[in-house]
């Protein structure tokens, strides 16, 4: 989602520009608890998670590690990774149903043939077992070997 947003916006962008783009297009399944803040932060929990995605993208060379603060930019590797994700889901149309954090608006970006059905996985309440982020990462790492890679 972050990589797609950076590709669409082009150039170097700020965190606020990226988060605003994602929110305005309703790409992310937000619940009231996502708009709460962690004790040590002022931003929404959902924004913090997207910032962690940015950190992971930088460590995977999908985004540049700029010296200046608050500069987000996709790399050639990031564009390639985004193209791989899109190709994966377009080749396997039912796989996108497992992406419970993605709203139909984003699923259509990834696969324009997608139709929202009762077979799409629903986001579970947090607090039981794995968190929704852990589940999302597990699904991605099952299907995209580089997605679960940590430095």
N, C-alpha and C. Protein backbone atom coordinates (compact mmCIF):
# COMPACT_ATOMS: atom_id res chain seq x y z
N UNK A 1 0.82 -1.18 0.00
CA UNK A 1 0.00 0.00 0.00
C UNK A 1 0.87 1.26 0.00
N UNK A 2 1.89 1.26 0.83
CA UNK A 2 2.82 2.39 0.89
C UNK A 2 3.57 2.50 -0.44
N UNK A 3 4.05 1.37 -0.96
CA UNK A 3 4.78 1.40 -2.23
C UNK A 3 3.88 1.87 -3.37
N UNK A 4 2.66 1.38 -3.41
CA UNK A 4 1.73 1.81 -4.45
C UNK A 4 1.49 3.31 -4.36
N UNK A 5 1.28 3.80 -3.16
CA UNK A 5 1.03 5.22 -2.96
C UNK A 5 2.21 6.06 -3.43
N UNK A 6 3.43 5.63 -3.09
CA UNK A 6 4.62 6.37 -3.53
C UNK A 6 4.76 6.35 -5.04
N UNK A 7 4.44 5.22 -5.66
CA UNK A 7 4.49 5.15 -7.12
C UNK A 7 3.49 6.14 -7.72
N UNK A 8 2.30 6.18 -7.18
CA UNK A 8 1.27 7.06 -7.72
C UNK A 8 1.60 8.54 -7.50
N UNK A 9 2.10 8.87 -6.32
CA UNK A 9 2.41 10.26 -6.01
C UNK A 9 3.68 10.74 -6.72
N UNK A 10 4.62 9.82 -6.94
CA UNK A 10 5.88 10.19 -7.59
C UNK A 10 6.74 11.07 -6.72
N UNK A 11 8.01 11.16 -7.04
CA UNK A 11 8.95 12.05 -6.36
C UNK A 11 9.10 11.69 -4.88
N UNK A 12 9.71 12.57 -4.13
CA UNK A 12 9.88 12.40 -2.69
C UNK A 12 8.65 12.97 -1.99
N UNK A 13 8.08 12.22 -1.07
CA UNK A 13 6.88 12.65 -0.35
C UNK A 13 7.09 12.58 1.15
N UNK A 14 6.24 13.29 1.88
CA UNK A 14 6.30 13.24 3.34
C UNK A 14 5.38 12.14 3.84
N UNK A 15 5.59 11.76 5.08
CA UNK A 15 4.73 10.77 5.72
C UNK A 15 3.28 11.22 5.66
N UNK A 16 3.04 12.48 5.95
CA UNK A 16 1.67 13.01 5.97
C UNK A 16 1.00 12.89 4.60
N UNK A 17 1.75 13.16 3.53
CA UNK A 17 1.19 13.05 2.18
C UNK A 17 0.81 11.60 1.86
N UNK A 18 1.67 10.67 2.25
CA UNK A 18 1.41 9.25 1.99
C UNK A 18 0.19 8.78 2.79
N UNK A 19 0.15 9.09 4.07
CA UNK A 19 -0.96 8.65 4.91
C UNK A 19 -2.28 9.28 4.46
N UNK A 20 -2.24 10.54 4.07
CA UNK A 20 -3.45 11.23 3.60
C UNK A 20 -3.97 10.55 2.33
N UNK A 21 -3.09 10.22 1.41
CA UNK A 21 -3.47 9.56 0.16
C UNK A 21 -4.18 8.23 0.46
N UNK A 22 -3.59 7.45 1.35
CA UNK A 22 -4.16 6.14 1.70
C UNK A 22 -5.52 6.31 2.37
N UNK A 23 -5.63 7.24 3.29
CA UNK A 23 -6.90 7.48 3.98
C UNK A 23 -7.99 8.00 3.04
N UNK A 24 -7.65 8.97 2.22
CA UNK A 24 -8.64 9.57 1.32
C UNK A 24 -9.21 8.55 0.35
N UNK A 25 -8.42 7.58 -0.03
CA UNK A 25 -8.88 6.57 -0.98
C UNK A 25 -9.44 5.34 -0.29
N UNK A 26 -9.44 5.35 1.02
CA UNK A 26 -10.05 4.28 1.83
C UNK A 26 -9.46 2.91 1.48
N UNK A 27 -8.12 2.85 1.41
CA UNK A 27 -7.44 1.61 1.05
C UNK A 27 -7.35 0.62 2.22
N UNK A 28 -7.41 1.12 3.43
CA UNK A 28 -7.05 0.38 4.62
C UNK A 28 -8.30 0.18 5.47
N UNK A 29 -8.52 -1.02 5.95
CA UNK A 29 -9.67 -1.32 6.79
C UNK A 29 -9.43 -0.75 8.19
N UNK A 30 -10.04 0.39 8.49
CA UNK A 30 -9.86 1.05 9.79
C UNK A 30 -11.03 0.77 10.70
N UNK A 31 -10.73 0.54 11.95
CA UNK A 31 -11.72 0.39 13.01
C UNK A 31 -11.46 1.48 14.04
N UNK A 32 -12.40 1.73 14.91
CA UNK A 32 -12.19 2.78 15.91
C UNK A 32 -10.90 2.61 16.72
N UNK A 33 -10.55 1.37 17.05
CA UNK A 33 -9.33 1.16 17.85
C UNK A 33 -8.06 1.52 17.07
N UNK A 34 -8.15 1.53 15.74
CA UNK A 34 -7.00 1.91 14.92
C UNK A 34 -6.72 3.40 14.99
N UNK A 35 -7.73 4.16 15.41
CA UNK A 35 -7.57 5.61 15.51
C UNK A 35 -7.08 6.03 16.89
N UNK A 36 -6.91 5.05 17.77
CA UNK A 36 -6.31 5.32 19.08
C UNK A 36 -4.81 5.42 18.90
N UNK A 37 -4.14 5.93 19.91
CA UNK A 37 -2.67 6.06 19.85
C UNK A 37 -2.03 5.09 20.82
N UNK A 38 -0.81 4.66 20.47
CA UNK A 38 0.00 3.94 21.44
C UNK A 38 0.41 4.94 22.51
N UNK A 39 0.71 4.45 23.70
CA UNK A 39 1.05 5.35 24.80
C UNK A 39 2.20 6.29 24.48
N UNK A 40 3.18 5.81 23.73
CA UNK A 40 4.38 6.61 23.46
C UNK A 40 4.26 7.47 22.20
N UNK A 41 3.11 7.45 21.54
CA UNK A 41 2.97 8.16 20.26
C UNK A 41 1.71 9.02 20.26
N UNK A 42 1.71 10.00 19.35
CA UNK A 42 0.52 10.84 19.18
C UNK A 42 -0.30 10.40 17.98
N UNK A 43 0.32 9.66 17.05
CA UNK A 43 -0.39 9.30 15.83
C UNK A 43 -1.27 8.07 16.03
N UNK A 44 -2.20 7.87 15.11
CA UNK A 44 -3.06 6.70 15.15
C UNK A 44 -2.23 5.42 15.08
N UNK A 45 -2.75 4.35 15.68
CA UNK A 45 -2.07 3.06 15.62
C UNK A 45 -1.90 2.61 14.17
N UNK A 46 -2.91 2.83 13.36
CA UNK A 46 -2.82 2.41 11.95
C UNK A 46 -1.70 3.17 11.23
N UNK A 47 -1.51 4.44 11.56
CA UNK A 47 -0.41 5.21 10.96
C UNK A 47 0.94 4.68 11.41
N UNK A 48 1.03 4.31 12.67
CA UNK A 48 2.27 3.74 13.19
C UNK A 48 2.62 2.45 12.44
N UNK A 49 1.62 1.63 12.17
CA UNK A 49 1.86 0.37 11.45
C UNK A 49 2.34 0.65 10.03
N UNK A 50 1.78 1.66 9.38
CA UNK A 50 2.24 2.00 8.04
C UNK A 50 3.67 2.56 8.08
N UNK A 51 4.01 3.24 9.16
CA UNK A 51 5.39 3.73 9.31
C UNK A 51 6.36 2.57 9.53
N UNK A 52 5.92 1.53 10.22
CA UNK A 52 6.75 0.34 10.36
C UNK A 52 6.92 -0.33 9.00
N UNK A 53 5.87 -0.31 8.18
CA UNK A 53 5.98 -0.85 6.82
C UNK A 53 7.03 -0.07 6.04
N UNK A 54 7.08 1.23 6.24
CA UNK A 54 8.09 2.06 5.59
C UNK A 54 9.48 1.63 6.03
N UNK A 55 9.66 1.43 7.33
CA UNK A 55 10.96 1.00 7.87
C UNK A 55 11.38 -0.33 7.23
N UNK A 56 10.44 -1.27 7.17
CA UNK A 56 10.74 -2.56 6.54
C UNK A 56 11.09 -2.39 5.07
N UNK A 57 10.39 -1.48 4.39
CA UNK A 57 10.67 -1.23 2.97
C UNK A 57 12.06 -0.64 2.78
N UNK A 58 12.47 0.24 3.68
CA UNK A 58 13.82 0.81 3.61
C UNK A 58 14.86 -0.30 3.82
N UNK A 59 14.64 -1.15 4.82
CA UNK A 59 15.58 -2.24 5.10
C UNK A 59 15.66 -3.25 3.96
N UNK A 60 14.58 -3.36 3.17
CA UNK A 60 14.56 -4.28 2.03
C UNK A 60 14.96 -3.60 0.73
N UNK A 61 15.41 -2.35 0.83
CA UNK A 61 15.81 -1.55 -0.34
C UNK A 61 14.66 -1.27 -1.29
N UNK A 62 13.43 -1.24 -0.78
CA UNK A 62 12.27 -0.89 -1.59
C UNK A 62 11.98 0.61 -1.51
N UNK A 63 12.58 1.27 -0.51
CA UNK A 63 12.49 2.72 -0.37
C UNK A 63 13.88 3.24 -0.05
N UNK A 64 14.13 4.48 -0.48
CA UNK A 64 15.41 5.11 -0.18
C UNK A 64 15.51 5.47 1.29
N UNK A 65 16.72 5.40 1.82
CA UNK A 65 17.00 5.81 3.20
C UNK A 65 17.62 7.21 3.13
N UNK A 66 16.77 8.22 3.00
CA UNK A 66 17.24 9.60 2.87
C UNK A 66 17.83 10.10 4.18
N UNK A 67 18.84 10.95 4.06
CA UNK A 67 19.44 11.59 5.24
C UNK A 67 18.46 12.57 5.87
N UNK A 68 17.68 13.25 5.05
CA UNK A 68 16.71 14.20 5.59
C UNK A 68 15.56 13.42 6.23
N UNK A 69 15.01 14.01 7.27
CA UNK A 69 13.88 13.39 7.97
C UNK A 69 12.60 13.56 7.15
N UNK A 70 11.71 12.60 7.21
CA UNK A 70 10.38 12.69 6.62
C UNK A 70 10.41 12.76 5.09
N UNK A 71 11.30 12.02 4.48
CA UNK A 71 11.37 11.95 3.01
C UNK A 71 11.14 10.50 2.60
N UNK A 72 10.00 10.24 1.99
CA UNK A 72 9.64 8.91 1.57
C UNK A 72 9.73 8.83 0.04
N UNK A 73 10.47 7.82 -0.48
CA UNK A 73 10.62 7.68 -1.93
C UNK A 73 10.86 6.21 -2.27
N UNK A 74 10.18 5.73 -3.29
CA UNK A 74 10.30 4.34 -3.74
C UNK A 74 11.55 4.18 -4.60
N UNK A 75 12.18 3.01 -4.50
CA UNK A 75 13.35 2.68 -5.32
C UNK A 75 12.92 1.83 -6.52
N UNK A 76 13.87 1.57 -7.42
CA UNK A 76 13.60 0.67 -8.54
C UNK A 76 13.22 -0.71 -8.00
N UNK A 77 13.90 -1.18 -6.95
CA UNK A 77 13.55 -2.48 -6.34
C UNK A 77 12.14 -2.46 -5.77
N UNK A 78 11.76 -1.33 -5.22
CA UNK A 78 10.40 -1.18 -4.70
C UNK A 78 9.36 -1.24 -5.80
N UNK A 79 9.65 -0.60 -6.93
CA UNK A 79 8.74 -0.67 -8.08
C UNK A 79 8.63 -2.10 -8.59
N UNK A 80 9.77 -2.80 -8.60
CA UNK A 80 9.77 -4.20 -9.03
C UNK A 80 8.98 -5.08 -8.05
N UNK A 81 9.16 -4.84 -6.75
CA UNK A 81 8.43 -5.61 -5.74
C UNK A 81 6.92 -5.35 -5.87
N UNK A 82 6.54 -4.09 -6.05
CA UNK A 82 5.13 -3.75 -6.24
C UNK A 82 4.57 -4.45 -7.47
N UNK A 83 5.31 -4.44 -8.56
CA UNK A 83 4.87 -5.13 -9.78
C UNK A 83 4.71 -6.62 -9.53
N UNK A 84 5.60 -7.21 -8.73
CA UNK A 84 5.51 -8.64 -8.39
C UNK A 84 4.26 -8.93 -7.57
N UNK A 85 3.96 -8.07 -6.63
CA UNK A 85 2.76 -8.26 -5.80
C UNK A 85 1.51 -8.18 -6.68
N UNK A 86 1.47 -7.18 -7.52
CA UNK A 86 0.31 -7.02 -8.41
C UNK A 86 0.19 -8.22 -9.33
N UNK A 87 1.29 -8.66 -9.92
CA UNK A 87 1.27 -9.83 -10.82
C UNK A 87 0.82 -11.08 -10.08
N UNK A 88 1.30 -11.25 -8.84
CA UNK A 88 0.92 -12.41 -8.04
C UNK A 88 -0.60 -12.46 -7.87
N UNK A 89 -1.18 -11.36 -7.42
CA UNK A 89 -2.63 -11.35 -7.16
C UNK A 89 -3.45 -11.41 -8.44
N UNK A 90 -2.96 -10.84 -9.51
CA UNK A 90 -3.71 -10.91 -10.77
C UNK A 90 -3.68 -12.32 -11.35
N UNK A 91 -2.61 -13.06 -11.10
CA UNK A 91 -2.51 -14.44 -11.57
C UNK A 91 -3.30 -15.40 -10.69
N UNK A 92 -3.61 -14.99 -9.48
CA UNK A 92 -4.33 -15.83 -8.52
C UNK A 92 -5.48 -15.00 -7.92
N UNK A 93 -6.54 -14.79 -8.67
CA UNK A 93 -7.60 -13.87 -8.23
C UNK A 93 -8.22 -14.20 -6.88
N UNK A 94 -8.25 -15.45 -6.49
CA UNK A 94 -8.86 -15.76 -5.20
C UNK A 94 -7.93 -15.44 -4.03
N UNK A 95 -6.63 -15.31 -4.28
CA UNK A 95 -5.67 -15.04 -3.19
C UNK A 95 -5.93 -13.69 -2.53
N UNK A 96 -6.43 -12.73 -3.27
CA UNK A 96 -6.66 -11.40 -2.71
C UNK A 96 -7.76 -11.42 -1.65
N UNK A 97 -8.57 -12.45 -1.66
CA UNK A 97 -9.64 -12.57 -0.66
C UNK A 97 -9.08 -12.72 0.75
N UNK A 98 -7.84 -13.17 0.86
CA UNK A 98 -7.22 -13.36 2.17
C UNK A 98 -6.70 -12.05 2.78
N UNK A 99 -6.66 -11.00 2.00
CA UNK A 99 -6.10 -9.71 2.44
C UNK A 99 -7.16 -8.91 3.19
N UNK A 100 -7.36 -9.27 4.43
CA UNK A 100 -8.46 -8.71 5.22
C UNK A 100 -8.24 -7.27 5.66
N UNK A 101 -7.03 -6.75 5.56
CA UNK A 101 -6.79 -5.34 5.92
C UNK A 101 -7.06 -4.42 4.73
N UNK A 102 -7.12 -4.97 3.54
CA UNK A 102 -7.34 -4.16 2.35
C UNK A 102 -8.83 -3.99 2.11
N UNK A 103 -9.25 -2.76 1.94
CA UNK A 103 -10.63 -2.48 1.59
C UNK A 103 -10.83 -2.80 0.10
N UNK A 104 -12.08 -2.98 -0.33
CA UNK A 104 -12.34 -3.25 -1.75
C UNK A 104 -11.72 -2.22 -2.68
N UNK A 105 -11.62 -0.98 -2.24
CA UNK A 105 -11.03 0.07 -3.07
C UNK A 105 -9.58 -0.25 -3.44
N UNK A 106 -8.82 -0.78 -2.49
CA UNK A 106 -7.42 -1.12 -2.78
C UNK A 106 -7.32 -2.45 -3.53
N UNK A 107 -8.19 -3.38 -3.20
CA UNK A 107 -8.18 -4.66 -3.93
C UNK A 107 -8.41 -4.43 -5.42
N UNK A 108 -9.26 -3.47 -5.76
CA UNK A 108 -9.50 -3.15 -7.17
C UNK A 108 -8.29 -2.52 -7.84
N UNK A 109 -7.49 -1.81 -7.08
CA UNK A 109 -6.25 -1.26 -7.62
C UNK A 109 -5.30 -2.41 -7.98
N UNK A 110 -5.20 -3.36 -7.09
CA UNK A 110 -4.29 -4.49 -7.28
C UNK A 110 -4.82 -5.43 -8.37
N UNK A 111 -6.12 -5.69 -8.33
CA UNK A 111 -6.74 -6.56 -9.34
C UNK A 111 -8.06 -5.96 -9.78
N UNK A 112 -8.07 -5.28 -10.92
CA UNK A 112 -9.30 -4.61 -11.39
C UNK A 112 -10.47 -5.56 -11.64
N UNK A 113 -10.22 -6.87 -11.70
CA UNK A 113 -11.31 -7.83 -11.91
C UNK A 113 -11.92 -8.30 -10.60
N UNK A 114 -11.36 -7.88 -9.46
CA UNK A 114 -11.85 -8.35 -8.16
C UNK A 114 -13.27 -7.87 -7.89
N UNK A 115 -14.07 -8.77 -7.37
CA UNK A 115 -15.39 -8.40 -6.87
C UNK A 115 -15.47 -8.85 -5.42
N UNK A 116 -15.94 -7.98 -4.58
CA UNK A 116 -16.06 -8.27 -3.15
C UNK A 116 -17.17 -9.30 -2.96
N UNK A 117 -16.86 -10.39 -2.27
CA UNK A 117 -17.85 -11.45 -2.04
C UNK A 117 -17.81 -11.88 -0.58
N UNK A 118 -18.73 -12.74 -0.23
CA UNK A 118 -18.75 -13.28 1.13
C UNK A 118 -17.56 -14.20 1.37
N UNK A 119 -16.84 -14.57 0.31
CA UNK A 119 -15.65 -15.41 0.46
C UNK A 119 -14.42 -14.61 0.86
N UNK A 120 -14.49 -13.28 0.80
CA UNK A 120 -13.37 -12.44 1.24
C UNK A 120 -13.23 -12.58 2.76
N UNK A 121 -12.00 -12.73 3.21
CA UNK A 121 -11.76 -12.86 4.64
C UNK A 121 -12.09 -11.54 5.33
N UNK A 122 -12.69 -11.65 6.48
CA UNK A 122 -13.03 -10.47 7.27
C UNK A 122 -11.95 -10.26 8.32
N UNK A 123 -11.73 -9.03 8.67
CA UNK A 123 -10.77 -8.70 9.71
C UNK A 123 -11.31 -9.17 11.05
N UNK A 124 -10.50 -9.93 11.76
CA UNK A 124 -10.89 -10.44 13.07
C UNK A 124 -10.61 -9.40 14.14
N UNK A 125 -11.30 -9.52 15.23
CA UNK A 125 -11.02 -8.64 16.36
C UNK A 125 -9.63 -8.94 16.89
N UNK A 126 -8.92 -7.90 17.32
CA UNK A 126 -7.58 -8.11 17.86
C UNK A 126 -7.69 -8.61 19.30
N UNK A 127 -6.57 -9.06 19.84
CA UNK A 127 -6.55 -9.50 21.22
C UNK A 127 -6.64 -11.01 21.37
N UNK A 128 -6.84 -11.73 20.28
CA UNK A 128 -6.91 -13.19 20.34
C UNK A 128 -5.81 -13.77 19.47
N UNK A 129 -4.91 -14.50 20.05
CA UNK A 129 -3.85 -15.13 19.26
C UNK A 129 -2.96 -14.10 18.58
N UNK A 130 -2.68 -14.34 17.30
CA UNK A 130 -1.82 -13.44 16.54
C UNK A 130 -2.56 -12.13 16.27
N UNK A 131 -1.83 -11.05 16.25
CA UNK A 131 -2.42 -9.77 15.88
C UNK A 131 -2.71 -9.78 14.39
N UNK A 132 -3.54 -8.85 13.95
CA UNK A 132 -3.86 -8.79 12.52
C UNK A 132 -2.63 -8.51 11.69
N UNK A 133 -1.68 -7.77 12.22
CA UNK A 133 -0.44 -7.49 11.48
C UNK A 133 0.37 -8.77 11.35
N UNK A 134 0.49 -9.53 12.45
CA UNK A 134 1.22 -10.79 12.39
C UNK A 134 0.58 -11.75 11.39
N UNK A 135 -0.76 -11.79 11.36
CA UNK A 135 -1.46 -12.65 10.40
C UNK A 135 -1.19 -12.19 8.97
N UNK A 136 -1.25 -10.88 8.75
CA UNK A 136 -1.01 -10.35 7.40
C UNK A 136 0.41 -10.69 6.94
N UNK A 137 1.39 -10.52 7.82
CA UNK A 137 2.77 -10.84 7.47
C UNK A 137 2.94 -12.33 7.21
N UNK A 138 2.25 -13.16 7.98
CA UNK A 138 2.33 -14.60 7.78
C UNK A 138 1.78 -14.99 6.42
N UNK A 139 0.64 -14.41 6.04
CA UNK A 139 0.05 -14.70 4.74
C UNK A 139 0.99 -14.27 3.62
N UNK A 140 1.54 -13.07 3.74
CA UNK A 140 2.46 -12.58 2.71
C UNK A 140 3.70 -13.45 2.61
N UNK A 141 4.29 -13.81 3.76
CA UNK A 141 5.53 -14.59 3.72
C UNK A 141 5.30 -16.00 3.19
N UNK A 142 4.06 -16.53 3.34
CA UNK A 142 3.74 -17.83 2.75
C UNK A 142 3.79 -17.77 1.23
N UNK A 143 3.30 -16.66 0.70
CA UNK A 143 3.11 -16.55 -0.74
C UNK A 143 4.20 -15.78 -1.47
N UNK A 144 4.86 -14.87 -0.78
CA UNK A 144 5.92 -14.07 -1.40
C UNK A 144 7.15 -14.20 -0.52
N UNK A 145 8.09 -15.07 -0.89
CA UNK A 145 9.22 -15.39 -0.02
C UNK A 145 9.98 -14.17 0.51
N UNK A 146 10.13 -13.13 -0.28
CA UNK A 146 10.88 -11.96 0.16
C UNK A 146 10.11 -11.10 1.16
N UNK A 147 8.77 -11.31 1.28
CA UNK A 147 7.94 -10.46 2.15
C UNK A 147 8.24 -10.67 3.63
N UNK A 148 8.64 -11.88 4.01
CA UNK A 148 8.89 -12.14 5.41
C UNK A 148 10.32 -11.94 5.82
N UNK A 149 11.15 -11.50 4.88
CA UNK A 149 12.58 -11.31 5.13
C UNK A 149 12.82 -10.17 6.09
N UNK A 150 13.66 -10.39 7.07
CA UNK A 150 14.06 -9.36 8.03
C UNK A 150 15.57 -9.21 7.99
N UNK A 151 16.04 -7.99 8.14
CA UNK A 151 17.50 -7.76 8.16
C UNK A 151 18.04 -7.98 9.54
